[in-house]
């Protein structure tokens, strides 16, 4: 009596294996690439973020006040938003890059930190990490908000403006 499964044509290939033609594999293997970095947008965003954050921090009566904490966050949000608008695509990506740039210039002391280090040792390290995570999240969000919405992929223009 024969089994319910027929023997595979190629004995080296186990039962239940799947075979694809090469053109199908190419379609499966394609990955989304990151958008090209618009360096001018990122640099402009970092400069705007640092400038606005520094000016607003100077205007604050105390760095520990709520306005002193909000000043760098406002600058970062505006800089990342600008980068997203200038880049025209990949707003989240460009906003996050503005956040990375801001963290770098904050680390060398050219821009104010959103959270002042408090305590010593472990508490100060947590404060720095929390502040930098806040900067990156806010910058990515602001860049994403600035990114243009998905457009119709139709080349004939049908579906635009609906």
N, C-alpha and C. Protein backbone atom coordinates (compact mmCIF):
# COMPACT_ATOMS: atom_id res chain seq x y z
N UNK A 1 0.85 -1.18 0.00
CA UNK A 1 0.00 0.00 0.00
C UNK A 1 0.89 1.24 0.00
N UNK A 2 0.59 2.19 -0.87
CA UNK A 2 1.41 3.38 -0.94
C UNK A 2 0.95 4.39 0.10
N UNK A 3 1.88 5.25 0.54
CA UNK A 3 1.57 6.26 1.55
C UNK A 3 0.74 7.40 0.96
N UNK A 4 0.24 8.25 1.83
CA UNK A 4 -0.58 9.36 1.36
C UNK A 4 0.26 10.46 0.73
N UNK A 5 1.56 10.47 1.04
CA UNK A 5 2.44 11.48 0.45
C UNK A 5 3.24 10.83 -0.66
N UNK A 6 3.36 11.55 -1.75
CA UNK A 6 4.17 11.02 -2.82
C UNK A 6 5.64 11.33 -2.53
N UNK A 7 6.50 10.58 -3.07
CA UNK A 7 7.94 10.76 -2.86
C UNK A 7 8.39 12.04 -3.57
N UNK A 8 9.26 12.84 -2.93
CA UNK A 8 9.73 14.06 -3.59
C UNK A 8 10.56 13.72 -4.82
N UNK A 9 10.49 14.61 -5.81
CA UNK A 9 11.23 14.39 -7.05
C UNK A 9 12.73 14.40 -6.78
N UNK A 10 13.17 15.25 -5.86
CA UNK A 10 14.59 15.34 -5.52
C UNK A 10 14.76 14.75 -4.13
N UNK A 11 15.42 13.61 -3.98
CA UNK A 11 15.53 12.97 -2.66
C UNK A 11 16.35 13.80 -1.66
N UNK A 12 17.11 14.78 -2.13
CA UNK A 12 17.88 15.63 -1.21
C UNK A 12 17.00 16.67 -0.53
N UNK A 13 15.84 16.95 -1.11
CA UNK A 13 14.94 17.95 -0.55
C UNK A 13 13.91 17.25 0.32
N UNK A 14 13.78 17.66 1.58
CA UNK A 14 12.83 16.97 2.46
C UNK A 14 11.39 17.25 2.06
N UNK A 15 10.50 16.38 2.53
CA UNK A 15 9.08 16.58 2.26
C UNK A 15 8.61 17.86 2.90
N UNK A 16 7.71 18.51 2.24
CA UNK A 16 7.13 19.75 2.77
C UNK A 16 7.97 20.98 2.50
N UNK A 17 9.10 20.82 1.85
CA UNK A 17 9.91 22.00 1.56
C UNK A 17 9.27 22.78 0.43
N UNK A 18 9.57 24.05 0.38
CA UNK A 18 8.97 24.93 -0.61
C UNK A 18 10.06 25.41 -1.55
N UNK A 19 9.73 25.49 -2.79
CA UNK A 19 10.68 25.95 -3.78
C UNK A 19 10.11 27.22 -4.43
N UNK A 20 10.95 28.22 -4.59
CA UNK A 20 10.56 29.45 -5.25
C UNK A 20 11.41 29.66 -6.48
N UNK A 21 10.82 30.30 -7.46
CA UNK A 21 11.63 30.67 -8.62
C UNK A 21 12.46 31.90 -8.22
N UNK A 22 13.58 32.15 -8.86
CA UNK A 22 14.47 33.24 -8.48
C UNK A 22 13.80 34.62 -8.46
N UNK A 23 12.85 34.88 -9.35
CA UNK A 23 12.22 36.21 -9.36
C UNK A 23 11.39 36.42 -8.10
N UNK A 24 10.79 35.36 -7.56
CA UNK A 24 10.03 35.48 -6.32
C UNK A 24 10.95 35.77 -5.16
N UNK A 25 12.11 35.12 -5.13
CA UNK A 25 13.06 35.34 -4.05
C UNK A 25 13.57 36.76 -4.03
N UNK A 26 13.78 37.36 -5.23
CA UNK A 26 14.23 38.75 -5.28
C UNK A 26 13.21 39.68 -4.64
N UNK A 27 11.94 39.43 -4.89
CA UNK A 27 10.89 40.26 -4.31
C UNK A 27 10.81 40.11 -2.80
N UNK A 28 11.02 38.90 -2.31
CA UNK A 28 10.98 38.66 -0.87
C UNK A 28 12.19 39.28 -0.19
N UNK A 29 13.34 39.21 -0.83
CA UNK A 29 14.60 39.64 -0.21
C UNK A 29 14.76 41.16 -0.15
N UNK A 30 13.95 41.90 -0.92
CA UNK A 30 14.10 43.36 -0.90
C UNK A 30 13.75 43.89 0.48
N UNK A 31 14.58 44.80 0.97
CA UNK A 31 14.33 45.43 2.25
C UNK A 31 14.18 46.92 2.03
N UNK A 32 13.43 47.55 2.95
CA UNK A 32 13.30 48.99 2.86
C UNK A 32 14.60 49.63 3.30
N UNK A 33 15.07 50.53 2.51
CA UNK A 33 16.29 51.25 2.85
C UNK A 33 15.94 52.51 3.63
N UNK A 34 16.86 52.96 4.45
CA UNK A 34 16.66 54.22 5.15
C UNK A 34 16.68 55.34 4.12
N UNK A 35 15.92 56.41 4.38
CA UNK A 35 15.94 57.52 3.43
C UNK A 35 17.32 58.19 3.43
N UNK A 36 17.62 58.81 2.33
CA UNK A 36 18.89 59.53 2.24
C UNK A 36 18.90 60.67 3.26
N UNK A 37 20.04 60.87 3.88
CA UNK A 37 20.15 61.93 4.89
C UNK A 37 20.30 63.27 4.19
N UNK A 38 19.41 64.19 4.55
CA UNK A 38 19.52 65.57 4.08
C UNK A 38 20.36 66.29 5.13
N UNK A 39 21.66 66.41 4.85
CA UNK A 39 22.59 66.96 5.83
C UNK A 39 22.28 68.41 6.18
N UNK A 40 21.83 69.17 5.21
CA UNK A 40 21.50 70.57 5.47
C UNK A 40 20.33 70.66 6.44
N UNK A 41 19.34 69.79 6.27
CA UNK A 41 18.18 69.79 7.17
C UNK A 41 18.60 69.44 8.59
N UNK A 42 19.47 68.45 8.74
CA UNK A 42 19.90 68.03 10.07
C UNK A 42 20.74 69.12 10.74
N UNK A 43 21.69 69.69 10.01
CA UNK A 43 22.54 70.74 10.58
C UNK A 43 21.70 71.96 10.95
N UNK A 44 20.79 72.36 10.07
CA UNK A 44 19.92 73.50 10.38
C UNK A 44 19.06 73.21 11.60
N UNK A 45 18.54 71.99 11.70
CA UNK A 45 17.73 71.62 12.85
C UNK A 45 18.50 71.65 14.15
N UNK A 46 19.74 71.15 14.13
CA UNK A 46 20.58 71.16 15.34
C UNK A 46 20.93 72.59 15.74
N UNK A 47 21.27 73.42 14.76
CA UNK A 47 21.60 74.82 15.07
C UNK A 47 20.40 75.57 15.64
N UNK A 48 19.24 75.38 15.04
CA UNK A 48 18.02 76.03 15.55
C UNK A 48 17.70 75.52 16.95
N UNK A 49 17.80 74.23 17.15
CA UNK A 49 17.50 73.64 18.46
C UNK A 49 18.43 74.20 19.54
N UNK A 50 19.72 74.23 19.27
CA UNK A 50 20.68 74.73 20.26
C UNK A 50 20.51 76.22 20.52
N UNK A 51 20.26 76.99 19.47
CA UNK A 51 20.11 78.43 19.62
C UNK A 51 18.86 78.77 20.42
N UNK A 52 17.73 78.19 20.06
CA UNK A 52 16.48 78.48 20.77
C UNK A 52 16.56 77.99 22.20
N UNK A 53 17.11 76.79 22.41
CA UNK A 53 17.22 76.25 23.77
C UNK A 53 18.10 77.14 24.63
N UNK A 54 19.21 77.63 24.08
CA UNK A 54 20.11 78.48 24.86
C UNK A 54 19.47 79.83 25.18
N UNK A 55 18.80 80.43 24.21
CA UNK A 55 18.15 81.73 24.44
C UNK A 55 17.04 81.60 25.47
N UNK A 56 16.21 80.58 25.32
CA UNK A 56 15.12 80.39 26.28
C UNK A 56 15.64 80.04 27.67
N UNK A 57 16.72 79.28 27.74
CA UNK A 57 17.30 78.94 29.06
C UNK A 57 17.86 80.18 29.73
N UNK A 58 18.47 81.08 28.95
CA UNK A 58 18.97 82.33 29.53
C UNK A 58 17.83 83.20 30.04
N UNK A 59 16.69 83.14 29.38
CA UNK A 59 15.53 83.93 29.80
C UNK A 59 14.86 83.35 31.05
N UNK A 60 15.11 82.07 31.32
CA UNK A 60 14.50 81.43 32.49
C UNK A 60 15.16 81.97 33.75
N UNK A 61 14.35 82.15 34.79
CA UNK A 61 14.88 82.68 36.04
C UNK A 61 15.78 81.66 36.74
N UNK A 62 15.46 80.39 36.59
CA UNK A 62 16.24 79.34 37.24
C UNK A 62 16.23 78.11 36.35
N UNK A 63 17.38 77.45 36.17
CA UNK A 63 17.41 76.25 35.33
C UNK A 63 16.54 75.12 35.90
N UNK A 64 16.27 75.15 37.20
CA UNK A 64 15.47 74.09 37.81
C UNK A 64 13.97 74.37 37.72
N UNK A 65 13.58 75.58 37.30
CA UNK A 65 12.15 75.88 37.18
C UNK A 65 11.57 75.12 36.00
N UNK A 66 10.26 75.08 35.94
CA UNK A 66 9.59 74.37 34.85
C UNK A 66 9.91 75.02 33.51
N UNK A 67 10.07 76.34 33.47
CA UNK A 67 10.44 77.03 32.24
C UNK A 67 11.87 76.68 31.84
N UNK A 68 12.74 76.52 32.84
CA UNK A 68 14.13 76.14 32.56
C UNK A 68 14.23 74.74 31.99
N UNK A 69 13.30 73.85 32.39
CA UNK A 69 13.28 72.49 31.85
C UNK A 69 12.64 72.48 30.47
N UNK A 70 11.59 73.30 30.28
CA UNK A 70 10.86 73.32 29.01
C UNK A 70 11.66 74.03 27.90
N UNK A 71 12.56 74.93 28.26
CA UNK A 71 13.31 75.70 27.26
C UNK A 71 14.08 74.81 26.29
N UNK A 72 14.91 73.89 26.78
CA UNK A 72 15.61 73.03 25.81
C UNK A 72 14.66 72.14 25.01
N UNK A 73 13.58 71.70 25.65
CA UNK A 73 12.63 70.83 24.95
C UNK A 73 11.93 71.58 23.81
N UNK A 74 11.61 72.85 24.04
CA UNK A 74 11.01 73.67 22.97
C UNK A 74 11.99 73.84 21.81
N UNK A 75 13.24 74.13 22.13
CA UNK A 75 14.25 74.29 21.09
C UNK A 75 14.45 73.01 20.28
N UNK A 76 14.49 71.89 20.98
CA UNK A 76 14.69 70.60 20.30
C UNK A 76 13.50 70.29 19.39
N UNK A 77 12.29 70.50 19.91
CA UNK A 77 11.09 70.23 19.11
C UNK A 77 11.06 71.11 17.86
N UNK A 78 11.37 72.38 18.00
CA UNK A 78 11.36 73.28 16.83
C UNK A 78 12.45 72.92 15.83
N UNK A 79 13.64 72.57 16.32
CA UNK A 79 14.72 72.18 15.42
C UNK A 79 14.42 70.89 14.67
N UNK A 80 13.86 69.91 15.36
CA UNK A 80 13.51 68.64 14.71
C UNK A 80 12.36 68.82 13.73
N UNK A 81 11.40 69.66 14.09
CA UNK A 81 10.29 69.96 13.19
C UNK A 81 10.81 70.61 11.91
N UNK A 82 11.72 71.56 12.06
CA UNK A 82 12.32 72.22 10.89
C UNK A 82 13.06 71.21 10.03
N UNK A 83 13.82 70.32 10.64
CA UNK A 83 14.56 69.31 9.87
C UNK A 83 13.60 68.40 9.11
N UNK A 84 12.51 68.00 9.74
CA UNK A 84 11.52 67.17 9.06
C UNK A 84 10.90 67.88 7.87
N UNK A 85 10.60 69.17 8.05
CA UNK A 85 10.02 69.95 6.94
C UNK A 85 11.02 70.13 5.80
N UNK A 86 12.28 70.43 6.14
CA UNK A 86 13.29 70.64 5.10
C UNK A 86 13.62 69.34 4.36
N UNK A 87 13.60 68.22 5.06
CA UNK A 87 13.96 66.95 4.44
C UNK A 87 12.89 66.46 3.48
N UNK A 88 11.64 66.77 3.75
CA UNK A 88 10.49 66.40 2.92
C UNK A 88 10.14 64.91 2.94
N UNK A 89 11.01 64.06 3.43
CA UNK A 89 10.69 62.65 3.65
C UNK A 89 11.57 62.13 4.78
N UNK A 90 11.12 61.09 5.43
CA UNK A 90 11.89 60.54 6.54
C UNK A 90 11.95 61.49 7.72
N UNK A 91 10.82 62.11 8.05
CA UNK A 91 10.80 63.09 9.13
C UNK A 91 11.22 62.52 10.46
N UNK A 92 10.77 61.32 10.79
CA UNK A 92 11.15 60.68 12.05
C UNK A 92 12.66 60.48 12.09
N UNK A 93 13.21 60.02 10.99
CA UNK A 93 14.65 59.77 10.88
C UNK A 93 15.45 61.06 11.04
N UNK A 94 15.05 62.11 10.33
CA UNK A 94 15.77 63.37 10.41
C UNK A 94 15.59 64.03 11.78
N UNK A 95 14.39 63.92 12.35
CA UNK A 95 14.16 64.45 13.69
C UNK A 95 15.04 63.75 14.71
N UNK A 96 15.14 62.43 14.61
CA UNK A 96 15.99 61.68 15.53
C UNK A 96 17.46 62.06 15.35
N UNK A 97 17.88 62.32 14.12
CA UNK A 97 19.25 62.75 13.89
C UNK A 97 19.52 64.12 14.51
N UNK A 98 18.51 65.00 14.50
CA UNK A 98 18.65 66.28 15.19
C UNK A 98 18.81 66.02 16.69
N UNK A 99 18.04 65.08 17.22
CA UNK A 99 18.17 64.73 18.63
C UNK A 99 19.56 64.21 18.96
N UNK A 100 20.12 63.37 18.10
CA UNK A 100 21.48 62.86 18.31
C UNK A 100 22.49 64.01 18.27
N UNK A 101 22.34 64.90 17.29
CA UNK A 101 23.24 66.05 17.20
C UNK A 101 23.15 66.94 18.43
N UNK A 102 21.93 67.14 18.93
CA UNK A 102 21.74 67.96 20.13
C UNK A 102 22.41 67.30 21.34
N UNK A 103 22.25 66.00 21.47
CA UNK A 103 22.88 65.29 22.60
C UNK A 103 24.40 65.44 22.53
N UNK A 104 24.95 65.38 21.32
CA UNK A 104 26.40 65.53 21.17
C UNK A 104 26.88 66.92 21.57
N UNK A 105 26.17 67.96 21.12
CA UNK A 105 26.64 69.31 21.49
C UNK A 105 26.29 69.63 22.94
N UNK A 106 25.29 68.97 23.48
CA UNK A 106 24.99 69.10 24.90
C UNK A 106 26.11 68.46 25.73
N UNK A 107 26.65 67.34 25.24
CA UNK A 107 27.71 66.63 25.96
C UNK A 107 28.99 67.45 26.04
N UNK A 108 29.25 68.27 25.03
CA UNK A 108 30.47 69.10 25.09
C UNK A 108 30.20 70.47 25.70
N UNK A 109 28.97 70.70 26.12
CA UNK A 109 28.65 71.91 26.87
C UNK A 109 28.20 73.11 26.06
N UNK A 110 27.86 72.93 24.80
CA UNK A 110 27.43 74.06 23.97
C UNK A 110 25.93 74.29 24.00
N UNK A 111 25.17 73.37 24.57
CA UNK A 111 23.72 73.50 24.64
C UNK A 111 23.26 73.03 26.03
N UNK A 112 22.17 73.60 26.51
CA UNK A 112 21.68 73.21 27.84
C UNK A 112 21.00 71.84 27.82
N UNK A 113 21.17 71.12 28.91
CA UNK A 113 20.51 69.83 29.06
C UNK A 113 19.08 70.04 29.56
N UNK A 114 18.14 69.20 29.15
CA UNK A 114 16.76 69.37 29.63
C UNK A 114 16.61 69.08 31.12
N UNK A 115 17.36 68.12 31.61
CA UNK A 115 17.31 67.79 33.04
C UNK A 115 18.69 68.05 33.65
N UNK A 116 18.73 68.85 34.70
CA UNK A 116 20.00 69.12 35.36
C UNK A 116 20.41 67.89 36.16
N UNK A 117 21.69 67.50 36.06
CA UNK A 117 22.15 66.36 36.84
C UNK A 117 21.95 66.63 38.33
N UNK A 118 21.35 65.67 39.01
CA UNK A 118 21.13 65.83 40.43
C UNK A 118 21.76 64.66 41.17
N UNK A 119 22.24 64.93 42.36
CA UNK A 119 22.86 63.87 43.15
C UNK A 119 24.24 63.55 42.64
N UNK A 120 24.71 62.40 43.03
CA UNK A 120 26.04 61.98 42.61
C UNK A 120 26.00 60.53 42.15
N UNK A 121 26.93 60.18 41.34
CA UNK A 121 27.08 58.79 40.91
C UNK A 121 25.92 58.26 40.11
N UNK A 122 25.25 57.27 40.68
CA UNK A 122 24.18 56.55 39.99
C UNK A 122 23.01 57.46 39.64
N UNK A 123 22.59 58.33 40.55
CA UNK A 123 21.46 59.23 40.30
C UNK A 123 21.78 60.21 39.18
N UNK A 124 23.00 60.69 39.15
CA UNK A 124 23.39 61.61 38.08
C UNK A 124 23.40 60.91 36.73
N UNK A 125 23.89 59.68 36.70
CA UNK A 125 23.89 58.90 35.46
C UNK A 125 22.48 58.65 34.95
N UNK A 126 21.57 58.31 35.86
CA UNK A 126 20.18 58.10 35.46
C UNK A 126 19.55 59.39 34.94
N UNK A 127 19.90 60.51 35.55
CA UNK A 127 19.37 61.80 35.11
C UNK A 127 19.84 62.12 33.69
N UNK A 128 21.09 61.86 33.40
CA UNK A 128 21.63 62.12 32.06
C UNK A 128 20.98 61.19 31.03
N UNK A 129 20.84 59.92 31.38
CA UNK A 129 20.23 58.96 30.46
C UNK A 129 18.77 59.31 30.20
N UNK A 130 18.03 59.66 31.25
CA UNK A 130 16.62 60.04 31.08
C UNK A 130 16.49 61.30 30.24
N UNK A 131 17.35 62.28 30.46
CA UNK A 131 17.30 63.51 29.67
C UNK A 131 17.59 63.26 28.20
N UNK A 132 18.59 62.43 27.92
CA UNK A 132 18.94 62.13 26.53
C UNK A 132 17.85 61.31 25.84
N UNK A 133 17.24 60.37 26.57
CA UNK A 133 16.14 59.60 26.00
C UNK A 133 14.95 60.50 25.69
N UNK A 134 14.69 61.45 26.57
CA UNK A 134 13.62 62.42 26.35
C UNK A 134 13.90 63.27 25.11
N UNK A 135 15.13 63.71 24.96
CA UNK A 135 15.53 64.51 23.78
C UNK A 135 15.31 63.71 22.51
N UNK A 136 15.76 62.46 22.47
CA UNK A 136 15.64 61.64 21.25
C UNK A 136 14.18 61.35 20.92
N UNK A 137 13.38 61.04 21.94
CA UNK A 137 11.96 60.75 21.71
C UNK A 137 11.23 61.99 21.20
N UNK A 138 11.47 63.13 21.83
CA UNK A 138 10.81 64.36 21.42
C UNK A 138 11.23 64.79 20.02
N UNK A 139 12.51 64.67 19.73
CA UNK A 139 13.01 65.06 18.41
C UNK A 139 12.42 64.15 17.32
N UNK A 140 12.38 62.85 17.58
CA UNK A 140 11.78 61.93 16.60
C UNK A 140 10.31 62.22 16.38
N UNK A 141 9.58 62.49 17.46
CA UNK A 141 8.15 62.80 17.36
C UNK A 141 7.92 64.09 16.57
N UNK A 142 8.70 65.12 16.88
CA UNK A 142 8.53 66.40 16.17
C UNK A 142 8.87 66.26 14.69
N UNK A 143 9.91 65.50 14.37
CA UNK A 143 10.26 65.27 12.96
C UNK A 143 9.18 64.48 12.25
N UNK A 144 8.60 63.49 12.95
CA UNK A 144 7.53 62.68 12.36
C UNK A 144 6.29 63.52 12.10
N UNK A 145 5.96 64.43 13.01
CA UNK A 145 4.81 65.31 12.81
C UNK A 145 5.03 66.21 11.60
N UNK A 146 6.26 66.64 11.40
CA UNK A 146 6.57 67.54 10.29
C UNK A 146 6.61 66.85 8.95
N UNK A 147 6.78 65.52 8.95
CA UNK A 147 6.92 64.79 7.68
C UNK A 147 5.64 64.88 6.89
N UNK A 148 5.76 65.07 5.58
CA UNK A 148 4.56 65.09 4.76
C UNK A 148 3.86 63.74 4.78
N UNK A 149 2.57 63.78 4.66
CA UNK A 149 1.78 62.55 4.67
C UNK A 149 1.99 61.81 3.36
N UNK A 150 1.64 60.53 3.36
CA UNK A 150 1.83 59.69 2.19
C UNK A 150 1.03 60.24 1.02
N UNK A 151 1.66 60.28 -0.10
CA UNK A 151 1.02 60.77 -1.32
C UNK A 151 0.55 59.58 -2.14
N UNK A 152 -0.31 59.84 -3.09
CA UNK A 152 -0.78 58.79 -3.98
C UNK A 152 0.39 58.29 -4.82
N UNK A 153 0.44 56.98 -5.02
CA UNK A 153 1.53 56.43 -5.81
C UNK A 153 1.17 56.39 -7.30
N UNK A 154 0.02 56.92 -7.66
CA UNK A 154 -0.40 56.92 -9.05
C UNK A 154 0.39 57.96 -9.83
N UNK A 155 0.92 57.55 -10.95
CA UNK A 155 1.69 58.49 -11.76
C UNK A 155 0.77 59.38 -12.60
N UNK A 156 -0.50 59.01 -12.73
CA UNK A 156 -1.42 59.80 -13.55
C UNK A 156 -2.00 60.97 -12.78
N UNK A 157 -1.79 60.99 -11.47
CA UNK A 157 -2.32 62.08 -10.67
C UNK A 157 -3.73 61.80 -10.16
N UNK A 158 -4.30 60.66 -10.55
CA UNK A 158 -5.63 60.30 -10.08
C UNK A 158 -5.56 60.04 -8.58
N UNK A 159 -6.48 60.58 -7.86
CA UNK A 159 -6.52 60.35 -6.44
C UNK A 159 -5.86 61.46 -5.64
N UNK A 160 -5.25 62.43 -6.27
CA UNK A 160 -4.64 63.55 -5.55
C UNK A 160 -5.70 64.56 -5.20
N UNK A 161 -5.53 65.14 -4.05
CA UNK A 161 -6.43 66.21 -3.62
C UNK A 161 -7.79 65.72 -3.18
N UNK A 162 -7.90 64.44 -2.90
CA UNK A 162 -9.19 63.92 -2.41
C UNK A 162 -9.27 64.06 -0.93
